Structures are given as C-alpha cells and as structure tokens.
Amino acid sequence: MGKLFSSPANLSFADPYFYLRSISYIAGHGNWSHLIGNMMIILLVGPLLEEKYGSGKLLEMVLVTAISTAVLNAFLFSNSLIGGSGIAFMLVLLGSFSNIKSKEIPLTFIIIAVLYIGGEIASSVKVDNISQFSHLAGGFVGAAYGFLRSGRR
C-alpha cells in the first residue's frame, strides 16, 4: 500500500503505476497529525475556493499541482513524496487571491507568500523527513493559478 500512496522516485513514463502514483501520493500520509493538519487546511479553505472557481476548476488545480510536483520531484530528487501538503499550500496561496479585482497582486498574498516561503526556507536547513520542495511547489502552482485565473470561473 505504501508504494501506491507515495510519488514515483524516478521518471518512468512506461510504467503505468507512474501515472497513478503521480496523483495517489496526496492521499497517503506519514501519520495522523500529518493527515489532520492537511485536512484542516483543505477543509477550511477548500469550500471557499470551490465556490469561487467551481468544482471542475478546483479539481484541475489539485491534479495539476499533484502531477507537476510529483514529476518535478522525480526529475530533481531521488526520494518519494507522501501526503497532500503541497495541495494544502496551493489552496492557501490561491485563497489569498480570493478578493482580487484586477491584475494586481493583493497585499495579503505578499504577506502570506513572505511568511510561507520564509518559513519553508528556514525549515529546509533542518534534517527531517519533510519535503519543503512539495510545499513550495504547491504554493507556487497555487500562486500562478490565482494570478492567471483571478476573476474568472
């Protein structure tokens, strides 16, 4: 089961499990506190974003974030990812764009991005089993979607 719920550790496009694992890893978590932490963020921010963007667009954003993070991780690193932290951080940064009126960057986004990116960079110097890369990748995808899709459904 662990193999199905962790991202691929290398690029192997001929392996059908590569495609499944590029998405399914967001459902696996290392422990209950990891799962509960991600679910709290997703359940808090998700419904607001679903109302703004619609279910289909939000699903698209989740899938693009999961796949792009898994593929980039397999290309750049030799480890697997597990958990939906990248999705949670994508939603957080996407949520900071919720009140955008025109193609301007909101102050809330700048503050959240500085705190978030600063925290992840500070955490990256610690030796642990947490992938700050997946957090940052999810955040960047959320920021990009928020900026590109602002005001549109």
C-alpha atoms as a PDB file:
ATOM      1  CA  MET A   1       0.000   0.000   0.000  1.00  0.00           C
ATOM      2  CA  GLY A   2       2.852   2.391   0.800  1.00  0.00           C
ATOM      3  CA  LYS A   3       4.137   2.128  -2.738  1.00  0.00           C
ATOM      4  CA  LEU A   4       0.777   3.137  -4.195  1.00  0.00           C
ATOM      5  CA  PHE A   5       0.469   6.135  -1.903  1.00  0.00           C
ATOM      6  CA  SER A   6       3.903   7.632  -2.472  1.00  0.00           C
ATOM      7  CA  SER A   7       5.053   9.560  -5.512  1.00  0.00           C
ATOM      8  CA  PRO A   8       7.406   7.946  -8.019  1.00  0.00           C
ATOM      9  CA  ALA A   9      11.067   8.345  -7.091  1.00  0.00           C
ATOM     10  CA  ASN A  10      12.202   8.424 -10.725  1.00  0.00           C
ATOM     11  CA  LEU A  11      10.816   9.257 -14.137  1.00  0.00           C
ATOM     12  CA  SER A  12       9.461   6.070 -15.709  1.00  0.00           C
ATOM     13  CA  PHE A  13       6.786   7.023 -18.213  1.00  0.00           C
ATOM     14  CA  ALA A  14       6.493   3.404 -19.465  1.00  0.00           C
ATOM     15  CA  ASP A  15       5.318   2.226 -16.035  1.00  0.00           C
ATOM     16  CA  PRO A  16       1.513   2.560 -15.669  1.00  0.00           C
ATOM     17  CA  TYR A  17       1.915   2.930 -11.888  1.00  0.00           C
ATOM     18  CA  PHE A  18       3.964   6.078 -12.510  1.00  0.00           C
ATOM     19  CA  TYR A  19       0.776   7.882 -13.577  1.00  0.00           C
ATOM     20  CA  LEU A  20      -1.323   6.504 -10.728  1.00  0.00           C
ATOM     21  CA  ARG A  21       1.332   7.321  -8.115  1.00  0.00           C
ATOM     22  CA  SER A  22       1.731  10.857  -9.529  1.00  0.00           C
ATOM     23  CA  ILE A  23      -1.730  11.559  -8.123  1.00  0.00           C
ATOM     24  CA  SER A  24      -2.380   8.973  -5.391  1.00  0.00           C
ATOM     25  CA  TYR A  25       0.519  10.118  -3.185  1.00  0.00           C
ATOM     26  CA  ILE A  26      -1.565  13.081  -1.994  1.00  0.00           C
ATOM     27  CA  ALA A  27      -3.913  10.631  -0.220  1.00  0.00           C
ATOM     28  CA  GLY A  28      -1.138   8.913   1.766  1.00  0.00           C
ATOM     29  CA  HIS A  29       0.205  10.474   4.970  1.00  0.00           C
ATOM     30  CA  GLY A  30       3.004   9.599   7.341  1.00  0.00           C
ATOM     31  CA  ASN A  31       0.881   9.773  10.495  1.00  0.00           C
ATOM     32  CA  TRP A  32      -2.407  11.034  11.888  1.00  0.00           C
ATOM     33  CA  SER A  33      -1.129  14.501  12.757  1.00  0.00           C
ATOM     34  CA  HIS A  34       0.126  14.955   9.171  1.00  0.00           C
ATOM     35  CA  LEU A  35      -3.277  13.904   7.814  1.00  0.00           C
ATOM     36  CA  ILE A  36      -5.249  16.038  10.291  1.00  0.00           C
ATOM     37  CA  GLY A  37      -3.074  19.116   9.648  1.00  0.00           C
ATOM     38  CA  ASN A  38      -3.560  18.883   5.894  1.00  0.00           C
ATOM     39  CA  MET A  39      -7.268  18.127   6.180  1.00  0.00           C
ATOM     40  CA  MET A  40      -7.842  21.141   8.442  1.00  0.00           C
ATOM     41  CA  ILE A  41      -6.298  23.464   5.849  1.00  0.00           C
ATOM     42  CA  ILE A  42      -8.079  21.786   2.931  1.00  0.00           C
ATOM     43  CA  LEU A  43     -11.477  21.768   4.672  1.00  0.00           C
ATOM     44  CA  LEU A  44     -11.097  25.356   5.838  1.00  0.00           C
ATOM     45  CA  VAL A  45     -10.008  26.929   2.545  1.00  0.00           C
ATOM     46  CA  GLY A  46     -11.340  24.416   0.002  1.00  0.00           C
ATOM     47  CA  PRO A  47     -15.074  25.236   0.154  1.00  0.00           C
ATOM     48  CA  LEU A  48     -14.432  28.968  -0.280  1.00  0.00           C
ATOM     49  CA  LEU A  49     -12.279  28.318  -3.339  1.00  0.00           C
ATOM     50  CA  GLU A  50     -14.750  25.794  -4.727  1.00  0.00           C
ATOM     51  CA  GLU A  51     -17.451  28.456  -4.530  1.00  0.00           C
ATOM     52  CA  LYS A  52     -15.236  30.968  -6.326  1.00  0.00           C
ATOM     53  CA  TYR A  53     -13.700  28.753  -9.031  1.00  0.00           C
ATOM     54  CA  GLY A  54     -16.150  25.851  -9.251  1.00  0.00           C
ATOM     55  CA  SER A  55     -15.576  22.160  -8.591  1.00  0.00           C
ATOM     56  CA  GLY A  56     -14.127  21.380 -12.005  1.00  0.00           C
ATOM     57  CA  LYS A  57     -11.503  24.139 -11.947  1.00  0.00           C
ATOM     58  CA  LEU A  58     -10.532  23.335  -8.374  1.00  0.00           C
ATOM     59  CA  LEU A  59     -10.121  19.652  -9.271  1.00  0.00           C
ATOM     60  CA  GLU A  60      -7.991  20.712 -12.239  1.00  0.00           C
ATOM     61  CA  MET A  61      -5.815  22.816  -9.926  1.00  0.00           C
ATOM     62  CA  VAL A  62      -5.386  19.932  -7.471  1.00  0.00           C
ATOM     63  CA  LEU A  63      -4.462  17.476 -10.243  1.00  0.00           C
ATOM     64  CA  VAL A  64      -2.040  19.867 -11.950  1.00  0.00           C
ATOM     65  CA  THR A  65      -0.400  20.628  -8.607  1.00  0.00           C
ATOM     66  CA  ALA A  66      -0.093  16.946  -7.683  1.00  0.00           C
ATOM     67  CA  ILE A  67       1.245  15.839 -11.061  1.00  0.00           C
ATOM     68  CA  SER A  68       3.650  18.733 -11.566  1.00  0.00           C
ATOM     69  CA  THR A  69       5.041  18.354  -8.048  1.00  0.00           C
ATOM     70  CA  ALA A  70       5.482  14.577  -8.453  1.00  0.00           C
ATOM     71  CA  VAL A  71       7.161  14.874 -11.859  1.00  0.00           C
ATOM     72  CA  LEU A  72       9.460  17.702 -10.752  1.00  0.00           C
ATOM     73  CA  ASN A  73      10.370  15.795  -7.590  1.00  0.00           C
ATOM     74  CA  ALA A  74      11.166  12.638  -9.593  1.00  0.00           C
ATOM     75  CA  PHE A  75      13.260  14.700 -12.020  1.00  0.00           C
ATOM     76  CA  LEU A  76      15.190  16.659  -9.376  1.00  0.00           C
ATOM     77  CA  PHE A  77      15.410  14.247  -6.418  1.00  0.00           C
ATOM     78  CA  SER A  78      15.639  10.503  -5.799  1.00  0.00           C
ATOM     79  CA  ASN A  79      13.072  10.302  -2.999  1.00  0.00           C
ATOM     80  CA  SER A  80       9.310   9.816  -2.951  1.00  0.00           C
ATOM     81  CA  LEU A  81       6.702  12.232  -1.649  1.00  0.00           C
ATOM     82  CA  ILE A  82       3.774  11.333   0.550  1.00  0.00           C
ATOM     83  CA  GLY A  83       0.858  13.497   1.668  1.00  0.00           C
ATOM     84  CA  GLY A  84      -1.235  16.405   0.500  1.00  0.00           C
ATOM     85  CA  SER A  85       0.819  19.255   1.961  1.00  0.00           C
ATOM     86  CA  GLY A  86       1.527  20.670  -1.491  1.00  0.00           C
ATOM     87  CA  ILE A  87      -2.216  20.754  -2.178  1.00  0.00           C
ATOM     88  CA  ALA A  88      -2.885  22.433   1.172  1.00  0.00           C
ATOM     89  CA  PHE A  89      -0.308  25.147   0.482  1.00  0.00           C
ATOM     90  CA  MET A  90      -1.623  25.573  -3.067  1.00  0.00           C
ATOM     91  CA  LEU A  91      -5.054  26.277  -1.574  1.00  0.00           C
ATOM     92  CA  VAL A  92      -3.641  28.713   0.993  1.00  0.00           C
ATOM     93  CA  LEU A  93      -1.857  30.825  -1.609  1.00  0.00           C
ATOM     94  CA  LEU A  94      -4.753  30.522  -4.051  1.00  0.00           C
ATOM     95  CA  GLY A  95      -7.071  31.700  -1.267  1.00  0.00           C
ATOM     96  CA  SER A  96      -5.080  34.881  -0.832  1.00  0.00           C
ATOM     97  CA  PHE A  97      -6.246  35.842  -4.339  1.00  0.00           C
ATOM     98  CA  SER A  98      -9.929  35.405  -3.482  1.00  0.00           C
ATOM     99  CA  ASN A  99     -10.725  39.138  -3.441  1.00  0.00           C
ATOM    100  CA  ILE A 100      -8.621  40.236  -6.390  1.00  0.00           C
ATOM    101  CA  LYS A 101     -10.408  42.696  -8.665  1.00  0.00           C
ATOM    102  CA  SER A 102      -7.881  43.254 -11.449  1.00  0.00           C
ATOM    103  CA  LYS A 103      -4.440  42.027 -12.413  1.00  0.00           C
ATOM    104  CA  GLU A 104      -2.906  43.429  -9.223  1.00  0.00           C
ATOM    105  CA  ILE A 105      -1.082  41.411  -6.601  1.00  0.00           C
ATOM    106  CA  PRO A 106      -3.011  41.636  -3.295  1.00  0.00           C
ATOM    107  CA  LEU A 107      -1.186  42.678  -0.119  1.00  0.00           C
ATOM    108  CA  THR A 108      -2.488  39.553   1.652  1.00  0.00           C
ATOM    109  CA  PHE A 109      -0.759  37.408  -0.970  1.00  0.00           C
ATOM    110  CA  ILE A 110       2.545  39.230  -0.477  1.00  0.00           C
ATOM    111  CA  ILE A 111       2.370  38.819   3.313  1.00  0.00           C
ATOM    112  CA  ILE A 112       1.355  35.145   3.142  1.00  0.00           C
ATOM    113  CA  ALA A 113       3.993  34.410   0.495  1.00  0.00           C
ATOM    114  CA  VAL A 114       6.785  36.049   2.503  1.00  0.00           C
ATOM    115  CA  LEU A 115       5.791  34.247   5.714  1.00  0.00           C
ATOM    116  CA  TYR A 116       5.223  30.943   3.951  1.00  0.00           C
ATOM    117  CA  ILE A 117       8.322  30.947   1.748  1.00  0.00           C
ATOM    118  CA  GLY A 118      10.461  32.255   4.593  1.00  0.00           C
ATOM    119  CA  GLY A 119       9.186  29.502   6.879  1.00  0.00           C
ATOM    120  CA  GLU A 120       9.831  26.812   4.296  1.00  0.00           C
ATOM    121  CA  ILE A 121      13.347  28.075   3.566  1.00  0.00           C
ATOM    122  CA  ALA A 122      14.106  28.183   7.303  1.00  0.00           C
ATOM    123  CA  SER A 123      12.722  24.638   7.676  1.00  0.00           C
ATOM    124  CA  SER A 124      14.774  23.327   4.757  1.00  0.00           C
ATOM    125  CA  VAL A 125      18.032  23.605   6.731  1.00  0.00           C
ATOM    126  CA  LYS A 126      16.730  21.111   9.332  1.00  0.00           C
ATOM    127  CA  VAL A 127      17.297  17.416   8.803  1.00  0.00           C
ATOM    128  CA  ASP A 128      13.851  15.812   8.764  1.00  0.00           C
ATOM    129  CA  ASN A 129      11.615  13.716   6.536  1.00  0.00           C
ATOM    130  CA  ILE A 130       9.547  16.674   5.349  1.00  0.00           C
ATOM    131  CA  SER A 131       9.714  17.755   1.720  1.00  0.00           C
ATOM    132  CA  GLN A 132       9.789  21.531   1.719  1.00  0.00           C
ATOM    133  CA  PHE A 133      10.052  21.198  -2.066  1.00  0.00           C
ATOM    134  CA  SER A 134       6.486  19.866  -2.298  1.00  0.00           C
ATOM    135  CA  HIS A 135       5.223  22.682  -0.077  1.00  0.00           C
ATOM    136  CA  LEU A 136       6.962  25.325  -2.191  1.00  0.00           C
ATOM    137  CA  ALA A 137       5.932  23.702  -5.487  1.00  0.00           C
ATOM    138  CA  GLY A 138       2.298  23.545  -4.367  1.00  0.00           C
ATOM    139  CA  GLY A 139       2.449  27.142  -3.210  1.00  0.00           C
ATOM    140  CA  PHE A 140       3.928  28.340  -6.490  1.00  0.00           C
ATOM    141  CA  VAL A 141       1.287  26.472  -8.514  1.00  0.00           C
ATOM    142  CA  GLY A 142      -1.446  27.998  -6.329  1.00  0.00           C
ATOM    143  CA  ALA A 143       0.024  31.455  -6.740  1.00  0.00           C
ATOM    144  CA  ALA A 144       0.251  31.028 -10.508  1.00  0.00           C
ATOM    145  CA  TYR A 145      -3.323  29.770 -10.764  1.00  0.00           C
ATOM    146  CA  GLY A 146      -4.565  32.561  -8.541  1.00  0.00           C
ATOM    147  CA  PHE A 147      -2.894  35.206 -10.638  1.00  0.00           C
ATOM    148  CA  LEU A 148      -3.815  33.689 -14.027  1.00  0.00           C
ATOM    149  CA  ARG A 149      -7.401  32.758 -13.155  1.00  0.00           C
ATOM    150  CA  SER A 150      -8.320  35.731 -10.995  1.00  0.00           C
ATOM    151  CA  GLY A 151     -11.841  36.943 -11.639  1.00  0.00           C
ATOM    152  CA  ARG A 152     -12.655  34.062 -13.993  1.00  0.00           C
ATOM    153  CA  ARG A 153     -14.645  30.881 -13.289  1.00  0.00           C
END
